[in-house]
């Protein structure tokens, strides 16, 4: 195949086609990311170390969860704590063991009811059995507080909600744990009032 000369430059039509298709693909990816928020950091994603705007969380502070304005959801007088995740989500895997350790402590003390729904396999990882089905009531909670279906989604007491991790950017599971405890303690106090 002959090369075509344009403005004194020889261009190979196959290379030109590949370049144009690459540009179109990049535009499509940018459009997807900007309209879906696929790679955005969730609002209130948390502090950066030594950042005066977002100081590190203290155990008594709630900074990355949003107050939904709803009343505290209780079962048998205990706040209901939920994490919705998937088995393939790296962010979920990063925070899951910390979440599970904290909520198990409170469940064992009889202070809360907790779930960790892995939505792709329909299992509550806090139980010894594989459920194979998420109750409709739990799916409604997930959709109510996160209509986009993003993960991880935390719904603590139906009152405090967060989509995404709060401190993964800083690789700070200590701050995650502190805030989980702060929210749970606030819910326990509100349930007692």
C-alpha atoms as a PDB file:
ATOM      1  CA  UNK A   1       0.000   0.000   0.000  1.00  0.00           C
ATOM      2  CA  UNK A   2       1.313   3.428  -0.879  1.00  0.00           C
ATOM      3  CA  UNK A   3       1.763   6.124   1.698  1.00  0.00           C
ATOM      4  CA  UNK A   4      -0.163   9.302   1.116  1.00  0.00           C
ATOM      5  CA  UNK A   5       1.569  12.611   1.267  1.00  0.00           C
ATOM      6  CA  UNK A   6      -0.173  15.348   3.220  1.00  0.00           C
ATOM      7  CA  UNK A   7       1.459  18.746   3.577  1.00  0.00           C
ATOM      8  CA  UNK A   8       4.828  17.262   2.782  1.00  0.00           C
ATOM      9  CA  UNK A   9       4.536  14.490   5.407  1.00  0.00           C
ATOM     10  CA  UNK A  10       4.071  10.854   4.518  1.00  0.00           C
ATOM     11  CA  UNK A  11       1.391   9.101   6.628  1.00  0.00           C
ATOM     12  CA  UNK A  12       0.569   5.445   6.703  1.00  0.00           C
ATOM     13  CA  UNK A  13      -3.264   5.106   6.559  1.00  0.00           C
ATOM     14  CA  UNK A  14      -3.193   2.109   8.933  1.00  0.00           C
ATOM     15  CA  UNK A  15      -1.272   4.055  11.583  1.00  0.00           C
ATOM     16  CA  UNK A  16      -3.582   7.050  11.146  1.00  0.00           C
ATOM     17  CA  UNK A  17      -6.618   4.788  11.621  1.00  0.00           C
ATOM     18  CA  UNK A  18      -5.166   3.286  14.808  1.00  0.00           C
ATOM     19  CA  UNK A  19      -4.348   6.739  16.203  1.00  0.00           C
ATOM     20  CA  UNK A  20      -7.857   8.073  15.473  1.00  0.00           C
ATOM     21  CA  UNK A  21      -9.472   5.006  17.017  1.00  0.00           C
ATOM     22  CA  UNK A  22      -7.236   5.384  20.082  1.00  0.00           C
ATOM     23  CA  UNK A  23      -8.287   9.008  20.480  1.00  0.00           C
ATOM     24  CA  UNK A  24     -11.953   7.997  20.219  1.00  0.00           C
ATOM     25  CA  UNK A  25     -11.413   5.280  22.859  1.00  0.00           C
ATOM     26  CA  UNK A  26      -9.767   7.771  25.239  1.00  0.00           C
ATOM     27  CA  UNK A  27     -12.650  10.214  24.749  1.00  0.00           C
ATOM     28  CA  UNK A  28     -15.150   7.419  25.467  1.00  0.00           C
ATOM     29  CA  UNK A  29     -13.334   6.412  28.664  1.00  0.00           C
ATOM     30  CA  UNK A  30     -13.107  10.027  29.857  1.00  0.00           C
ATOM     31  CA  UNK A  31     -16.826  10.505  29.142  1.00  0.00           C
ATOM     32  CA  UNK A  32     -17.675   7.308  31.064  1.00  0.00           C
ATOM     33  CA  UNK A  33     -15.542   8.235  34.067  1.00  0.00           C
ATOM     34  CA  UNK A  34     -16.825  11.802  34.233  1.00  0.00           C
ATOM     35  CA  UNK A  35     -20.510  10.848  33.976  1.00  0.00           C
ATOM     36  CA  UNK A  36     -20.503   7.822  36.285  1.00  0.00           C
ATOM     37  CA  UNK A  37     -18.047   8.992  38.915  1.00  0.00           C
ATOM     38  CA  UNK A  38     -16.306   5.647  38.471  1.00  0.00           C
ATOM     39  CA  UNK A  39     -12.913   6.880  39.700  1.00  0.00           C
ATOM     40  CA  UNK A  40     -14.015   9.723  41.928  1.00  0.00           C
ATOM     41  CA  UNK A  41     -13.175   9.858  45.586  1.00  0.00           C
ATOM     42  CA  UNK A  42     -16.422   9.877  47.571  1.00  0.00           C
ATOM     43  CA  UNK A  43     -17.373  13.169  49.181  1.00  0.00           C
ATOM     44  CA  UNK A  44     -15.940  13.346  52.661  1.00  0.00           C
ATOM     45  CA  UNK A  45     -13.373  10.694  51.775  1.00  0.00           C
ATOM     46  CA  UNK A  46     -11.300  11.740  54.708  1.00  0.00           C
ATOM     47  CA  UNK A  47      -8.229  13.561  55.794  1.00  0.00           C
ATOM     48  CA  UNK A  48      -4.747  13.642  54.402  1.00  0.00           C
ATOM     49  CA  UNK A  49      -2.056  13.348  57.096  1.00  0.00           C
ATOM     50  CA  UNK A  50      -1.007  16.774  58.450  1.00  0.00           C
ATOM     51  CA  UNK A  51      -3.723  18.458  56.381  1.00  0.00           C
ATOM     52  CA  UNK A  52      -5.171  21.367  58.383  1.00  0.00           C
ATOM     53  CA  UNK A  53      -8.430  21.198  56.414  1.00  0.00           C
ATOM     54  CA  UNK A  54      -9.010  17.528  57.304  1.00  0.00           C
ATOM     55  CA  UNK A  55      -7.338  16.749  60.631  1.00  0.00           C
ATOM     56  CA  UNK A  56      -7.003  13.079  61.622  1.00  0.00           C
ATOM     57  CA  UNK A  57     -10.144  11.569  63.125  1.00  0.00           C
ATOM     58  CA  UNK A  58     -10.347  11.324  66.876  1.00  0.00           C
ATOM     59  CA  UNK A  59     -12.192   8.371  68.401  1.00  0.00           C
ATOM     60  CA  UNK A  60     -15.108  10.599  69.394  1.00  0.00           C
ATOM     61  CA  UNK A  61     -15.544  12.230  65.976  1.00  0.00           C
ATOM     62  CA  UNK A  62     -17.725  11.344  63.000  1.00  0.00           C
ATOM     63  CA  UNK A  63     -16.207  12.932  59.914  1.00  0.00           C
ATOM     64  CA  UNK A  64     -16.599  10.700  56.837  1.00  0.00           C
ATOM     65  CA  UNK A  65     -20.147   9.472  57.493  1.00  0.00           C
ATOM     66  CA  UNK A  66     -23.151  11.588  56.521  1.00  0.00           C
ATOM     67  CA  UNK A  67     -26.156  11.930  58.824  1.00  0.00           C
ATOM     68  CA  UNK A  68     -29.175  10.859  56.745  1.00  0.00           C
ATOM     69  CA  UNK A  69     -31.585  12.698  59.019  1.00  0.00           C
ATOM     70  CA  UNK A  70     -33.480   9.448  59.632  1.00  0.00           C
ATOM     71  CA  UNK A  71     -34.252   8.037  63.040  1.00  0.00           C
ATOM     72  CA  UNK A  72     -31.903   5.323  64.328  1.00  0.00           C
ATOM     73  CA  UNK A  73     -32.980   1.920  63.015  1.00  0.00           C
ATOM     74  CA  UNK A  74     -33.238  -0.565  65.873  1.00  0.00           C
ATOM     75  CA  UNK A  75     -33.837  -4.303  66.129  1.00  0.00           C
ATOM     76  CA  UNK A  76     -34.636  -5.476  69.658  1.00  0.00           C
ATOM     77  CA  UNK A  77     -33.491  -2.058  70.896  1.00  0.00           C
ATOM     78  CA  UNK A  78     -30.085  -2.351  69.178  1.00  0.00           C
ATOM     79  CA  UNK A  79     -28.758  -0.255  66.250  1.00  0.00           C
ATOM     80  CA  UNK A  80     -28.441  -2.144  62.950  1.00  0.00           C
ATOM     81  CA  UNK A  81     -24.994  -1.802  61.344  1.00  0.00           C
ATOM     82  CA  UNK A  82     -24.456  -2.786  57.695  1.00  0.00           C
ATOM     83  CA  UNK A  83     -21.678  -3.034  55.141  1.00  0.00           C
ATOM     84  CA  UNK A  84     -22.548  -3.822  51.520  1.00  0.00           C
ATOM     85  CA  UNK A  85     -19.540  -4.996  49.493  1.00  0.00           C
ATOM     86  CA  UNK A  86     -18.436  -7.541  46.882  1.00  0.00           C
ATOM     87  CA  UNK A  87     -15.764 -10.212  46.828  1.00  0.00           C
ATOM     88  CA  UNK A  88     -13.942  -8.564  43.906  1.00  0.00           C
ATOM     89  CA  UNK A  89     -13.793  -5.011  45.293  1.00  0.00           C
ATOM     90  CA  UNK A  90     -10.283  -4.050  46.403  1.00  0.00           C
ATOM     91  CA  UNK A  91     -11.572  -1.174  48.559  1.00  0.00           C
ATOM     92  CA  UNK A  92     -13.978  -3.592  50.259  1.00  0.00           C
ATOM     93  CA  UNK A  93     -11.229  -6.109  50.948  1.00  0.00           C
ATOM     94  CA  UNK A  94      -9.042  -3.348  52.375  1.00  0.00           C
ATOM     95  CA  UNK A  95     -11.606  -2.376  55.029  1.00  0.00           C
ATOM     96  CA  UNK A  96     -13.616  -5.594  55.558  1.00  0.00           C
ATOM     97  CA  UNK A  97     -11.542  -7.265  58.259  1.00  0.00           C
ATOM     98  CA  UNK A  98     -11.450  -4.064  60.330  1.00  0.00           C
ATOM     99  CA  UNK A  99     -15.209  -3.621  59.971  1.00  0.00           C
ATOM    100  CA  UNK A 100     -15.877  -7.256  60.880  1.00  0.00           C
ATOM    101  CA  UNK A 101     -13.578  -7.227  63.899  1.00  0.00           C
ATOM    102  CA  UNK A 102     -15.176  -4.064  65.297  1.00  0.00           C
ATOM    103  CA  UNK A 103     -18.795  -5.084  64.733  1.00  0.00           C
ATOM    104  CA  UNK A 104     -18.239  -8.619  66.085  1.00  0.00           C
ATOM    105  CA  UNK A 105     -16.963  -7.087  69.319  1.00  0.00           C
ATOM    106  CA  UNK A 106     -20.171  -5.045  69.683  1.00  0.00           C
ATOM    107  CA  UNK A 107     -22.405  -7.944  68.579  1.00  0.00           C
ATOM    108  CA  UNK A 108     -20.749 -10.263  71.116  1.00  0.00           C
ATOM    109  CA  UNK A 109     -21.371  -7.632  73.800  1.00  0.00           C
ATOM    110  CA  UNK A 110     -25.069  -7.562  72.805  1.00  0.00           C
ATOM    111  CA  UNK A 111     -24.966  -3.873  71.820  1.00  0.00           C
ATOM    112  CA  UNK A 112     -25.704  -3.976  68.052  1.00  0.00           C
ATOM    113  CA  UNK A 113     -27.063  -6.116  65.226  1.00  0.00           C
ATOM    114  CA  UNK A 114     -24.659  -6.286  62.273  1.00  0.00           C
ATOM    115  CA  UNK A 115     -24.509  -7.518  58.680  1.00  0.00           C
ATOM    116  CA  UNK A 116     -21.797  -7.654  56.047  1.00  0.00           C
ATOM    117  CA  UNK A 117     -23.543  -8.380  52.758  1.00  0.00           C
ATOM    118  CA  UNK A 118     -21.341  -9.405  49.842  1.00  0.00           C
ATOM    119  CA  UNK A 119     -23.874  -8.577  47.163  1.00  0.00           C
ATOM    120  CA  UNK A 120     -22.235 -10.545  44.355  1.00  0.00           C
ATOM    121  CA  UNK A 121     -22.490 -13.862  46.212  1.00  0.00           C
ATOM    122  CA  UNK A 122     -25.527 -12.908  48.327  1.00  0.00           C
ATOM    123  CA  UNK A 123     -23.879 -13.799  51.618  1.00  0.00           C
ATOM    124  CA  UNK A 124     -23.689 -12.247  55.065  1.00  0.00           C
ATOM    125  CA  UNK A 125     -20.075 -12.949  55.970  1.00  0.00           C
ATOM    126  CA  UNK A 126     -20.842 -12.509  59.676  1.00  0.00           C
ATOM    127  CA  UNK A 127     -22.831 -15.759  59.759  1.00  0.00           C
ATOM    128  CA  UNK A 128     -21.442 -19.301  59.548  1.00  0.00           C
ATOM    129  CA  UNK A 129     -23.802 -20.265  56.707  1.00  0.00           C
ATOM    130  CA  UNK A 130     -23.939 -19.107  53.092  1.00  0.00           C
ATOM    131  CA  UNK A 131     -27.310 -17.401  52.727  1.00  0.00           C
ATOM    132  CA  UNK A 132     -27.426 -17.436  48.915  1.00  0.00           C
ATOM    133  CA  UNK A 133     -30.056 -14.701  49.070  1.00  0.00           C
ATOM    134  CA  UNK A 134     -30.198 -11.169  50.415  1.00  0.00           C
ATOM    135  CA  UNK A 135     -33.576 -10.374  51.991  1.00  0.00           C
ATOM    136  CA  UNK A 136     -35.634  -7.817  50.074  1.00  0.00           C
ATOM    137  CA  UNK A 137     -35.641  -5.544  53.120  1.00  0.00           C
ATOM    138  CA  UNK A 138     -31.827  -5.398  53.044  1.00  0.00           C
ATOM    139  CA  UNK A 139     -31.771  -4.703  49.296  1.00  0.00           C
ATOM    140  CA  UNK A 140     -34.203  -1.841  49.908  1.00  0.00           C
ATOM    141  CA  UNK A 141     -31.841  -0.370  52.507  1.00  0.00           C
ATOM    142  CA  UNK A 142     -28.923  -0.591  50.063  1.00  0.00           C
ATOM    143  CA  UNK A 143     -30.929   1.084  47.281  1.00  0.00           C
ATOM    144  CA  UNK A 144     -32.357   3.758  49.572  1.00  0.00           C
ATOM    145  CA  UNK A 145     -28.988   4.978  50.772  1.00  0.00           C
ATOM    146  CA  UNK A 146     -27.038   4.284  47.575  1.00  0.00           C
ATOM    147  CA  UNK A 147     -29.212   4.361  44.438  1.00  0.00           C
ATOM    148  CA  UNK A 148     -26.107   4.103  42.227  1.00  0.00           C
ATOM    149  CA  UNK A 149     -25.200   0.765  43.841  1.00  0.00           C
ATOM    150  CA  UNK A 150     -21.584   1.716  44.550  1.00  0.00           C
ATOM    151  CA  UNK A 151     -19.519  -0.282  46.981  1.00  0.00           C
ATOM    152  CA  UNK A 152     -18.463  -0.368  49.696  1.00  0.00           C
ATOM    153  CA  UNK A 153     -21.567   1.169  51.254  1.00  0.00           C
ATOM    154  CA  UNK A 154     -21.849   1.560  55.001  1.00  0.00           C
ATOM    155  CA  UNK A 155     -25.276   2.101  56.578  1.00  0.00           C
ATOM    156  CA  UNK A 156     -24.935   2.460  60.337  1.00  0.00           C
ATOM    157  CA  UNK A 157     -28.245   2.507  62.176  1.00  0.00           C
ATOM    158  CA  UNK A 158     -30.041   3.770  59.075  1.00  0.00           C
ATOM    159  CA  UNK A 159     -28.808   7.167  60.218  1.00  0.00           C
ATOM    160  CA  UNK A 160     -25.129   7.425  59.284  1.00  0.00           C
ATOM    161  CA  UNK A 161     -24.121   6.548  55.732  1.00  0.00           C
ATOM    162  CA  UNK A 162     -20.890   6.440  53.786  1.00  0.00           C
ATOM    163  CA  UNK A 163     -20.157   5.268  50.258  1.00  0.00           C
ATOM    164  CA  UNK A 164     -16.520   4.324  49.853  1.00  0.00           C
ATOM    165  CA  UNK A 165     -13.716   4.121  52.348  1.00  0.00           C
ATOM    166  CA  UNK A 166     -12.815   7.057  54.544  1.00  0.00           C
ATOM    167  CA  UNK A 167      -9.086   6.638  55.038  1.00  0.00           C
ATOM    168  CA  UNK A 168      -7.811   4.253  52.363  1.00  0.00           C
ATOM    169  CA  UNK A 169      -5.933   7.026  50.602  1.00  0.00           C
ATOM    170  CA  UNK A 170      -3.802   7.337  53.726  1.00  0.00           C
ATOM    171  CA  UNK A 171      -3.773   3.543  54.268  1.00  0.00           C
ATOM    172  CA  UNK A 172      -5.090   4.270  57.767  1.00  0.00           C
ATOM    173  CA  UNK A 173      -7.147   1.387  59.136  1.00  0.00           C
ATOM    174  CA  UNK A 174      -6.686   2.799  62.641  1.00  0.00           C
ATOM    175  CA  UNK A 175      -8.691   5.886  61.613  1.00  0.00           C
ATOM    176  CA  UNK A 176     -11.313   3.637  59.968  1.00  0.00           C
ATOM    177  CA  UNK A 177     -11.685   1.672  63.183  1.00  0.00           C
ATOM    178  CA  UNK A 178     -11.848   4.836  65.289  1.00  0.00           C
ATOM    179  CA  UNK A 179     -14.622   6.264  63.178  1.00  0.00           C
ATOM    180  CA  UNK A 180     -16.562   2.981  63.088  1.00  0.00           C
ATOM    181  CA  UNK A 181     -16.425   2.986  66.886  1.00  0.00           C
ATOM    182  CA  UNK A 182     -17.412   6.667  67.093  1.00  0.00           C
ATOM    183  CA  UNK A 183     -20.484   6.099  64.930  1.00  0.00           C
ATOM    184  CA  UNK A 184     -21.492   2.908  66.743  1.00  0.00           C
ATOM    185  CA  UNK A 185     -21.074   4.555  70.161  1.00  0.00           C
ATOM    186  CA  UNK A 186     -23.162   7.538  69.031  1.00  0.00           C
ATOM    187  CA  UNK A 187     -25.898   5.186  67.817  1.00  0.00           C
ATOM    188  CA  UNK A 188     -25.869   3.186  71.056  1.00  0.00           C
ATOM    189  CA  UNK A 189     -26.191   6.432  73.015  1.00  0.00           C
ATOM    190  CA  UNK A 190     -29.024   7.687  70.780  1.00  0.00           C
ATOM    191  CA  UNK A 191     -30.839   4.342  71.085  1.00  0.00           C
ATOM    192  CA  UNK A 192     -30.679   4.595  74.877  1.00  0.00           C
ATOM    193  CA  UNK A 193     -32.274   8.075  74.931  1.00  0.00           C
END
